[in-house]
Amino acid sequence: MVKIELLNTFAPAKSMGIFKKFFPGLIMVTALSIAIIITIHTFMNKPIDVWNWLSLAFFFLLTLGISTFHNRMTTSNNKTFMSLLYGSMGLRFIFSIFFIVIYLIYNEITDKLVVVIFLILYLLFTSFELFHLVTKLRAEKQRDINVSTL
């Protein structure tokens, strides 16, 4: 009984199409991020730091977690939706600051390239998340317009 409710919480039946579009997009953004990391390090002639891979995994998991939260909040009213959207963006920013602080604590010598790649990944994954959310809302708004005209 609890298992079924938990599954329904994260993947409602009406939004399965959204998940089918989201996961391939997330994989493509992750592949693009890997290509960016390899290209920058090849161009700079430096070995790839472990923190770059950790930041990539961090943003992948954070985007995955926040997207399930976004999926649930699109069913709420407009005021609640905007509050939750800004809250999720704030959480992403705060978690990113925590990641940078942990990086600075564990490394005596800070590599500027790691921080630059972290910021590039932050912008890339945040842009993907917002693009996905806007296209989802646009599709739902169009569907509501079509239903109301019938």
N, C-alpha and C. Protein backbone atom coordinates (compact mmCIF):
# COMPACT_ATOMS: atom_id res chain seq x y z
N MET A 1 0.82 -1.18 0.00
CA MET A 1 0.00 0.00 0.00
C MET A 1 0.87 1.26 0.00
N VAL A 2 1.86 1.32 0.87
CA VAL A 2 2.75 2.47 0.94
C VAL A 2 3.60 2.55 -0.31
N LYS A 3 4.00 1.41 -0.82
CA LYS A 3 4.84 1.37 -2.01
C LYS A 3 4.12 1.99 -3.21
N ILE A 4 2.86 1.67 -3.36
CA ILE A 4 2.08 2.21 -4.47
C ILE A 4 1.92 3.71 -4.33
N GLU A 5 1.64 4.19 -3.12
CA GLU A 5 1.50 5.63 -2.89
C GLU A 5 2.81 6.36 -3.17
N LEU A 6 3.93 5.78 -2.79
CA LEU A 6 5.22 6.40 -3.04
C LEU A 6 5.49 6.50 -4.53
N LEU A 7 5.18 5.45 -5.28
CA LEU A 7 5.36 5.51 -6.72
C LEU A 7 4.46 6.55 -7.35
N ASN A 8 3.23 6.65 -6.89
CA ASN A 8 2.31 7.64 -7.44
C ASN A 8 2.74 9.06 -7.09
N THR A 9 3.43 9.25 -5.99
CA THR A 9 3.90 10.57 -5.60
C THR A 9 4.93 11.09 -6.58
N PHE A 10 5.85 10.25 -7.01
CA PHE A 10 6.94 10.71 -7.86
C PHE A 10 6.63 10.63 -9.35
N ALA A 11 5.68 9.83 -9.75
CA ALA A 11 5.41 9.70 -11.17
C ALA A 11 3.91 9.52 -11.41
N PRO A 12 3.14 10.60 -11.30
CA PRO A 12 1.72 10.48 -11.58
C PRO A 12 1.51 10.07 -13.03
N ALA A 13 0.40 9.39 -13.28
CA ALA A 13 0.15 8.83 -14.61
C ALA A 13 0.05 9.91 -15.68
N LYS A 14 -0.54 11.07 -15.36
CA LYS A 14 -0.71 12.09 -16.38
C LYS A 14 0.59 12.78 -16.77
N SER A 15 1.63 12.64 -15.97
CA SER A 15 2.88 13.33 -16.29
C SER A 15 3.97 12.38 -16.77
N MET A 16 3.65 11.16 -17.07
CA MET A 16 4.68 10.23 -17.54
C MET A 16 5.30 10.70 -18.86
N GLY A 17 4.52 11.37 -19.70
CA GLY A 17 5.05 11.90 -20.95
C GLY A 17 6.12 12.94 -20.70
N ILE A 18 5.95 13.71 -19.65
CA ILE A 18 6.94 14.72 -19.29
C ILE A 18 8.25 14.05 -18.87
N PHE A 19 8.15 12.97 -18.09
CA PHE A 19 9.36 12.26 -17.69
C PHE A 19 10.06 11.64 -18.88
N LYS A 20 9.29 11.20 -19.87
CA LYS A 20 9.90 10.61 -21.06
C LYS A 20 10.69 11.64 -21.84
N LYS A 21 10.28 12.90 -21.77
CA LYS A 21 11.01 13.97 -22.45
C LYS A 21 12.15 14.49 -21.58
N PHE A 22 11.97 14.44 -20.27
CA PHE A 22 12.95 15.03 -19.37
C PHE A 22 14.23 14.20 -19.29
N PHE A 23 14.13 12.90 -19.09
CA PHE A 23 15.31 12.08 -18.88
C PHE A 23 16.26 12.07 -20.07
N PRO A 24 15.77 11.92 -21.31
CA PRO A 24 16.72 12.01 -22.43
C PRO A 24 17.38 13.39 -22.51
N GLY A 25 16.63 14.43 -22.20
CA GLY A 25 17.21 15.78 -22.20
C GLY A 25 18.28 15.92 -21.13
N LEU A 26 18.02 15.35 -19.95
CA LEU A 26 19.01 15.41 -18.88
C LEU A 26 20.27 14.63 -19.24
N ILE A 27 20.10 13.51 -19.89
CA ILE A 27 21.26 12.73 -20.34
C ILE A 27 22.04 13.51 -21.39
N MET A 28 21.33 14.19 -22.29
CA MET A 28 22.02 14.98 -23.32
C MET A 28 22.77 16.16 -22.70
N VAL A 29 22.18 16.82 -21.72
CA VAL A 29 22.86 17.93 -21.04
C VAL A 29 24.08 17.41 -20.29
N THR A 30 23.96 16.24 -19.69
CA THR A 30 25.10 15.65 -18.99
C THR A 30 26.21 15.28 -19.97
N ALA A 31 25.85 14.73 -21.12
CA ALA A 31 26.85 14.41 -22.14
C ALA A 31 27.52 15.68 -22.67
N LEU A 32 26.74 16.73 -22.86
CA LEU A 32 27.31 18.02 -23.27
C LEU A 32 28.26 18.56 -22.20
N SER A 33 27.89 18.39 -20.95
CA SER A 33 28.76 18.82 -19.85
C SER A 33 30.07 18.06 -19.84
N ILE A 34 30.01 16.76 -20.08
CA ILE A 34 31.23 15.96 -20.14
C ILE A 34 32.11 16.44 -21.28
N ALA A 35 31.50 16.72 -22.43
CA ALA A 35 32.27 17.22 -23.57
C ALA A 35 32.90 18.57 -23.25
N ILE A 36 32.18 19.44 -22.56
CA ILE A 36 32.73 20.75 -22.18
C ILE A 36 33.90 20.58 -21.23
N ILE A 37 33.75 19.71 -20.24
CA ILE A 37 34.84 19.48 -19.27
C ILE A 37 36.08 18.96 -19.99
N ILE A 38 35.92 17.98 -20.85
CA ILE A 38 37.06 17.40 -21.56
C ILE A 38 37.70 18.42 -22.50
N THR A 39 36.87 19.21 -23.19
CA THR A 39 37.40 20.21 -24.12
C THR A 39 38.18 21.29 -23.39
N ILE A 40 37.65 21.79 -22.30
CA ILE A 40 38.34 22.85 -21.55
C ILE A 40 39.66 22.32 -21.01
N HIS A 41 39.65 21.13 -20.45
CA HIS A 41 40.90 20.59 -19.89
C HIS A 41 41.90 20.26 -20.98
N THR A 42 41.43 19.82 -22.13
CA THR A 42 42.35 19.55 -23.24
C THR A 42 42.95 20.85 -23.75
N PHE A 43 42.12 21.88 -23.87
CA PHE A 43 42.59 23.18 -24.34
C PHE A 43 43.59 23.80 -23.36
N MET A 44 43.33 23.65 -22.07
CA MET A 44 44.22 24.21 -21.05
C MET A 44 45.41 23.30 -20.76
N ASN A 45 45.40 22.09 -21.32
CA ASN A 45 46.47 21.11 -21.13
C ASN A 45 46.68 20.78 -19.65
N LYS A 46 45.56 20.54 -18.96
CA LYS A 46 45.59 20.15 -17.55
C LYS A 46 44.80 18.86 -17.37
N PRO A 47 45.21 18.06 -16.39
CA PRO A 47 44.42 16.84 -16.13
C PRO A 47 43.07 17.21 -15.51
N ILE A 48 42.09 16.34 -15.74
CA ILE A 48 40.74 16.60 -15.22
C ILE A 48 40.73 16.29 -13.73
N ASP A 49 40.30 17.26 -12.96
CA ASP A 49 40.26 17.14 -11.51
C ASP A 49 39.04 16.31 -11.08
N VAL A 50 39.17 15.60 -9.98
CA VAL A 50 38.08 14.80 -9.44
C VAL A 50 36.88 15.69 -9.09
N TRP A 51 37.15 16.91 -8.65
CA TRP A 51 36.08 17.82 -8.26
C TRP A 51 35.19 18.20 -9.45
N ASN A 52 35.74 18.17 -10.65
CA ASN A 52 34.90 18.42 -11.82
C ASN A 52 33.87 17.31 -12.00
N TRP A 53 34.29 16.07 -11.82
CA TRP A 53 33.35 14.96 -11.93
C TRP A 53 32.35 14.97 -10.78
N LEU A 54 32.81 15.35 -9.59
CA LEU A 54 31.90 15.45 -8.45
C LEU A 54 30.85 16.55 -8.68
N SER A 55 31.27 17.67 -9.25
CA SER A 55 30.31 18.74 -9.51
C SER A 55 29.32 18.33 -10.59
N LEU A 56 29.76 17.56 -11.57
CA LEU A 56 28.85 17.06 -12.60
C LEU A 56 27.82 16.12 -11.98
N ALA A 57 28.27 15.20 -11.14
CA ALA A 57 27.34 14.29 -10.47
C ALA A 57 26.40 15.06 -9.53
N PHE A 58 26.94 16.07 -8.86
CA PHE A 58 26.13 16.90 -7.96
C PHE A 58 25.00 17.57 -8.73
N PHE A 59 25.29 18.18 -9.85
CA PHE A 59 24.26 18.88 -10.62
C PHE A 59 23.28 17.90 -11.27
N PHE A 60 23.76 16.75 -11.69
CA PHE A 60 22.87 15.74 -12.26
C PHE A 60 21.84 15.30 -11.22
N LEU A 61 22.31 14.95 -10.03
CA LEU A 61 21.41 14.49 -8.97
C LEU A 61 20.51 15.62 -8.46
N LEU A 62 21.05 16.83 -8.35
CA LEU A 62 20.25 17.96 -7.90
C LEU A 62 19.15 18.28 -8.90
N THR A 63 19.45 18.25 -10.19
CA THR A 63 18.44 18.52 -11.22
C THR A 63 17.39 17.42 -11.22
N LEU A 64 17.81 16.19 -11.03
CA LEU A 64 16.87 15.09 -10.97
C LEU A 64 15.92 15.24 -9.78
N GLY A 65 16.47 15.59 -8.63
CA GLY A 65 15.65 15.78 -7.44
C GLY A 65 14.70 16.96 -7.55
N ILE A 66 15.19 18.07 -8.05
CA ILE A 66 14.36 19.26 -8.16
C ILE A 66 13.30 19.07 -9.24
N SER A 67 13.59 18.30 -10.27
CA SER A 67 12.59 18.09 -11.32
C SER A 67 11.39 17.30 -10.81
N THR A 68 11.61 16.35 -9.91
CA THR A 68 10.47 15.64 -9.33
C THR A 68 9.65 16.59 -8.47
N PHE A 69 10.32 17.52 -7.82
CA PHE A 69 9.64 18.55 -7.03
C PHE A 69 8.84 19.47 -7.97
N HIS A 70 9.43 19.85 -9.09
CA HIS A 70 8.72 20.69 -10.07
C HIS A 70 7.52 19.97 -10.64
N ASN A 71 7.66 18.68 -10.87
CA ASN A 71 6.56 17.90 -11.42
C ASN A 71 5.35 17.93 -10.49
N ARG A 72 5.59 17.90 -9.22
CA ARG A 72 4.50 17.93 -8.24
C ARG A 72 3.94 19.34 -8.08
N MET A 73 4.77 20.36 -8.24
CA MET A 73 4.28 21.72 -7.95
C MET A 73 3.53 22.34 -9.12
N THR A 74 3.60 21.77 -10.31
CA THR A 74 2.86 22.35 -11.43
C THR A 74 1.37 22.14 -11.30
N THR A 75 0.95 21.25 -10.42
CA THR A 75 -0.48 21.05 -10.21
C THR A 75 -1.07 22.04 -9.21
N SER A 76 -0.23 22.85 -8.58
CA SER A 76 -0.72 23.82 -7.59
C SER A 76 -1.19 25.10 -8.28
N ASN A 77 -1.76 26.01 -7.48
CA ASN A 77 -2.24 27.26 -8.07
C ASN A 77 -1.05 28.18 -8.40
N ASN A 78 -1.33 29.29 -9.08
CA ASN A 78 -0.28 30.16 -9.61
C ASN A 78 0.61 30.75 -8.52
N LYS A 79 0.01 31.25 -7.44
CA LYS A 79 0.79 31.88 -6.37
C LYS A 79 1.70 30.87 -5.68
N THR A 80 1.16 29.72 -5.39
CA THR A 80 1.95 28.66 -4.75
C THR A 80 3.06 28.19 -5.68
N PHE A 81 2.73 28.06 -6.96
CA PHE A 81 3.71 27.62 -7.94
C PHE A 81 4.91 28.57 -7.99
N MET A 82 4.65 29.86 -8.05
CA MET A 82 5.75 30.83 -8.13
C MET A 82 6.60 30.80 -6.86
N SER A 83 5.96 30.67 -5.71
CA SER A 83 6.71 30.58 -4.45
C SER A 83 7.60 29.34 -4.45
N LEU A 84 7.04 28.23 -4.88
CA LEU A 84 7.82 26.99 -4.90
C LEU A 84 8.94 27.05 -5.95
N LEU A 85 8.67 27.70 -7.07
CA LEU A 85 9.70 27.83 -8.11
C LEU A 85 10.88 28.65 -7.58
N TYR A 86 10.59 29.79 -6.98
CA TYR A 86 11.68 30.61 -6.43
C TYR A 86 12.38 29.89 -5.29
N GLY A 87 11.62 29.15 -4.51
CA GLY A 87 12.22 28.37 -3.42
C GLY A 87 13.17 27.31 -3.94
N SER A 88 12.78 26.62 -5.01
CA SER A 88 13.65 25.58 -5.57
C SER A 88 14.91 26.19 -6.19
N MET A 89 14.77 27.36 -6.81
CA MET A 89 15.95 28.03 -7.36
C MET A 89 16.88 28.47 -6.23
N GLY A 90 16.30 28.94 -5.13
CA GLY A 90 17.10 29.32 -3.97
C GLY A 90 17.82 28.12 -3.37
N LEU A 91 17.12 26.99 -3.28
CA LEU A 91 17.76 25.78 -2.76
C LEU A 91 18.92 25.33 -3.64
N ARG A 92 18.74 25.41 -4.96
CA ARG A 92 19.82 25.06 -5.87
C ARG A 92 21.04 25.95 -5.62
N PHE A 93 20.78 27.24 -5.45
CA PHE A 93 21.86 28.19 -5.21
C PHE A 93 22.56 27.91 -3.87
N ILE A 94 21.77 27.66 -2.83
CA ILE A 94 22.36 27.38 -1.50
C ILE A 94 23.16 26.08 -1.52
N PHE A 95 22.62 25.03 -2.13
CA PHE A 95 23.37 23.78 -2.23
C PHE A 95 24.65 23.97 -3.04
N SER A 96 24.61 24.81 -4.04
CA SER A 96 25.82 25.09 -4.84
C SER A 96 26.87 25.81 -4.00
N ILE A 97 26.43 26.74 -3.19
CA ILE A 97 27.37 27.43 -2.30
C ILE A 97 27.98 26.44 -1.31
N PHE A 98 27.16 25.53 -0.76
CA PHE A 98 27.70 24.51 0.14
C PHE A 98 28.76 23.66 -0.56
N PHE A 99 28.53 23.31 -1.81
CA PHE A 99 29.50 22.52 -2.56
C PHE A 99 30.81 23.28 -2.71
N ILE A 100 30.73 24.56 -3.06
CA ILE A 100 31.96 25.37 -3.20
C ILE A 100 32.67 25.50 -1.86
N VAL A 101 31.92 25.69 -0.78
CA VAL A 101 32.53 25.79 0.55
C VAL A 101 33.24 24.50 0.92
N ILE A 102 32.61 23.37 0.64
CA ILE A 102 33.25 22.08 0.91
C ILE A 102 34.52 21.93 0.08
N TYR A 103 34.45 22.36 -1.18
CA TYR A 103 35.65 22.32 -2.03
C TYR A 103 36.77 23.18 -1.44
N LEU A 104 36.44 24.37 -0.98
CA LEU A 104 37.46 25.25 -0.41
C LEU A 104 38.02 24.73 0.91
N ILE A 105 37.20 24.04 1.68
CA ILE A 105 37.67 23.48 2.94
C ILE A 105 38.64 22.32 2.70
N TYR A 106 38.34 21.45 1.75
CA TYR A 106 39.16 20.27 1.51
C TYR A 106 40.40 20.52 0.67
N ASN A 107 40.48 21.63 -0.02
CA ASN A 107 41.63 21.91 -0.87
C ASN A 107 42.34 23.16 -0.38
N GLU A 108 43.62 23.00 -0.09
CA GLU A 108 44.42 24.16 0.31
C GLU A 108 44.69 25.06 -0.89
N ILE A 109 44.97 24.46 -2.02
CA ILE A 109 45.23 25.20 -3.24
C ILE A 109 43.97 25.13 -4.09
N THR A 110 43.39 26.27 -4.36
CA THR A 110 42.16 26.27 -5.17
C THR A 110 42.52 26.43 -6.64
N ASP A 111 41.93 25.60 -7.42
CA ASP A 111 42.12 25.64 -8.87
C ASP A 111 40.98 26.46 -9.46
N LYS A 112 41.33 27.55 -10.10
CA LYS A 112 40.30 28.42 -10.67
C LYS A 112 39.51 27.71 -11.76
N LEU A 113 40.14 26.77 -12.43
CA LEU A 113 39.47 26.04 -13.50
C LEU A 113 38.31 25.20 -12.96
N VAL A 114 38.47 24.65 -11.77
CA VAL A 114 37.39 23.87 -11.16
C VAL A 114 36.20 24.78 -10.87
N VAL A 115 36.46 25.97 -10.36
CA VAL A 115 35.38 26.90 -10.05
C VAL A 115 34.71 27.40 -11.32
N VAL A 116 35.48 27.67 -12.36
CA VAL A 116 34.91 28.12 -13.64
C VAL A 116 34.02 27.02 -14.23
N ILE A 117 34.49 25.79 -14.21
CA ILE A 117 33.68 24.68 -14.74
C ILE A 117 32.43 24.49 -13.89
N PHE A 118 32.57 24.66 -12.58
CA PHE A 118 31.41 24.56 -11.70
C PHE A 118 30.36 25.60 -12.08
N LEU A 119 30.78 26.82 -12.33
CA LEU A 119 29.84 27.87 -12.71
C LEU A 119 29.20 27.59 -14.07
N ILE A 120 29.98 27.06 -15.00
CA ILE A 120 29.43 26.69 -16.31
C ILE A 120 28.37 25.60 -16.14
N LEU A 121 28.66 24.60 -15.32
CA LEU A 121 27.70 23.54 -15.07
C LEU A 121 26.45 24.08 -14.38
N TYR A 122 26.64 25.00 -13.44
CA TYR A 122 25.50 25.62 -12.75
C TYR A 122 24.57 26.29 -13.76
N LEU A 123 25.15 27.09 -14.64
CA LEU A 123 24.35 27.79 -15.64
C LEU A 123 23.69 26.81 -16.62
N LEU A 124 24.42 25.79 -17.04
CA LEU A 124 23.90 24.84 -18.01
C LEU A 124 22.73 24.04 -17.43
N PHE A 125 22.89 23.50 -16.25
CA PHE A 125 21.83 22.70 -15.65
C PHE A 125 20.65 23.55 -15.21
N THR A 126 20.89 24.77 -14.75
CA THR A 126 19.79 25.66 -14.39
C THR A 126 19.01 26.07 -15.63
N SER A 127 19.70 26.35 -16.72
CA SER A 127 19.03 26.69 -17.97
C SER A 127 18.20 25.52 -18.48
N PHE A 128 18.74 24.31 -18.39
CA PHE A 128 17.99 23.13 -18.81
C PHE A 128 16.73 22.96 -17.96
N GLU A 129 16.88 23.13 -16.67
CA GLU A 129 15.73 22.97 -15.77
C GLU A 129 14.64 23.99 -16.08
N LEU A 130 15.03 25.23 -16.28
CA LEU A 130 14.04 26.27 -16.60
C LEU A 130 13.41 26.05 -17.97
N PHE A 131 14.21 25.64 -18.95
CA PHE A 131 13.67 25.34 -20.27
C PHE A 131 12.64 24.21 -20.20
N HIS A 132 12.98 23.17 -19.46
CA HIS A 132 12.07 22.03 -19.32
C HIS A 132 10.78 22.46 -18.63
N LEU A 133 10.90 23.27 -17.61
CA LEU A 133 9.73 23.72 -16.87
C LEU A 133 8.84 24.62 -17.72
N VAL A 134 9.43 25.53 -18.49
CA VAL A 134 8.66 26.43 -19.33
C VAL A 134 7.95 25.66 -20.44
N THR A 135 8.63 24.69 -21.06
CA THR A 135 7.96 23.92 -22.12
C THR A 135 6.85 23.07 -21.54
N LYS A 136 7.04 22.58 -20.34
CA LYS A 136 5.98 21.79 -19.69
C LYS A 136 4.78 22.67 -19.40
N LEU A 137 5.01 23.84 -18.87
CA LEU A 137 3.90 24.75 -18.55
C LEU A 137 3.21 25.23 -19.82
N ARG A 138 3.97 25.48 -20.87
CA ARG A 138 3.37 25.92 -22.13
C ARG A 138 2.46 24.83 -22.69
N ALA A 139 2.89 23.57 -22.60
CA ALA A 139 2.06 22.47 -23.10
C ALA A 139 0.80 22.32 -22.27
N GLU A 140 0.91 22.48 -20.94
CA GLU A 140 -0.27 22.38 -20.09
C GLU A 140 -1.22 23.55 -20.33
N LYS A 141 -0.69 24.75 -20.56
CA LYS A 141 -1.54 25.90 -20.83
C LYS A 141 -2.27 25.71 -22.16
N GLN A 142 -1.58 25.21 -23.17
CA GLN A 142 -2.20 24.96 -24.47
C GLN A 142 -3.30 23.91 -24.34
N ARG A 143 -3.05 22.89 -23.54
CA ARG A 143 -4.03 21.84 -23.33
C ARG A 143 -5.26 22.41 -22.62
N ASP A 144 -5.05 23.29 -21.63
CA ASP A 144 -6.17 23.91 -20.93
C ASP A 144 -6.98 24.81 -21.86
N ILE A 145 -6.31 25.50 -22.77
CA ILE A 145 -7.02 26.35 -23.74
C ILE A 145 -7.85 25.49 -24.67
N ASN A 146 -7.30 24.37 -25.13
CA ASN A 146 -8.02 23.46 -26.02
C ASN A 146 -9.23 22.84 -25.34
N VAL A 147 -9.08 22.50 -24.07
CA VAL A 147 -10.17 21.89 -23.32
C VAL A 147 -11.28 22.92 -23.08
N SER A 148 -10.91 24.16 -22.79
CA SER A 148 -11.92 25.19 -22.51
C SER A 148 -12.67 25.63 -23.76
N THR A 149 -12.07 25.47 -24.94
CA THR A 149 -12.77 25.84 -26.17
C THR A 149 -13.73 24.76 -26.64
N LEU A 150 -13.60 23.55 -26.12
CA LEU A 150 -14.50 22.48 -26.51
C LEU A 150 -15.77 22.63 -25.81
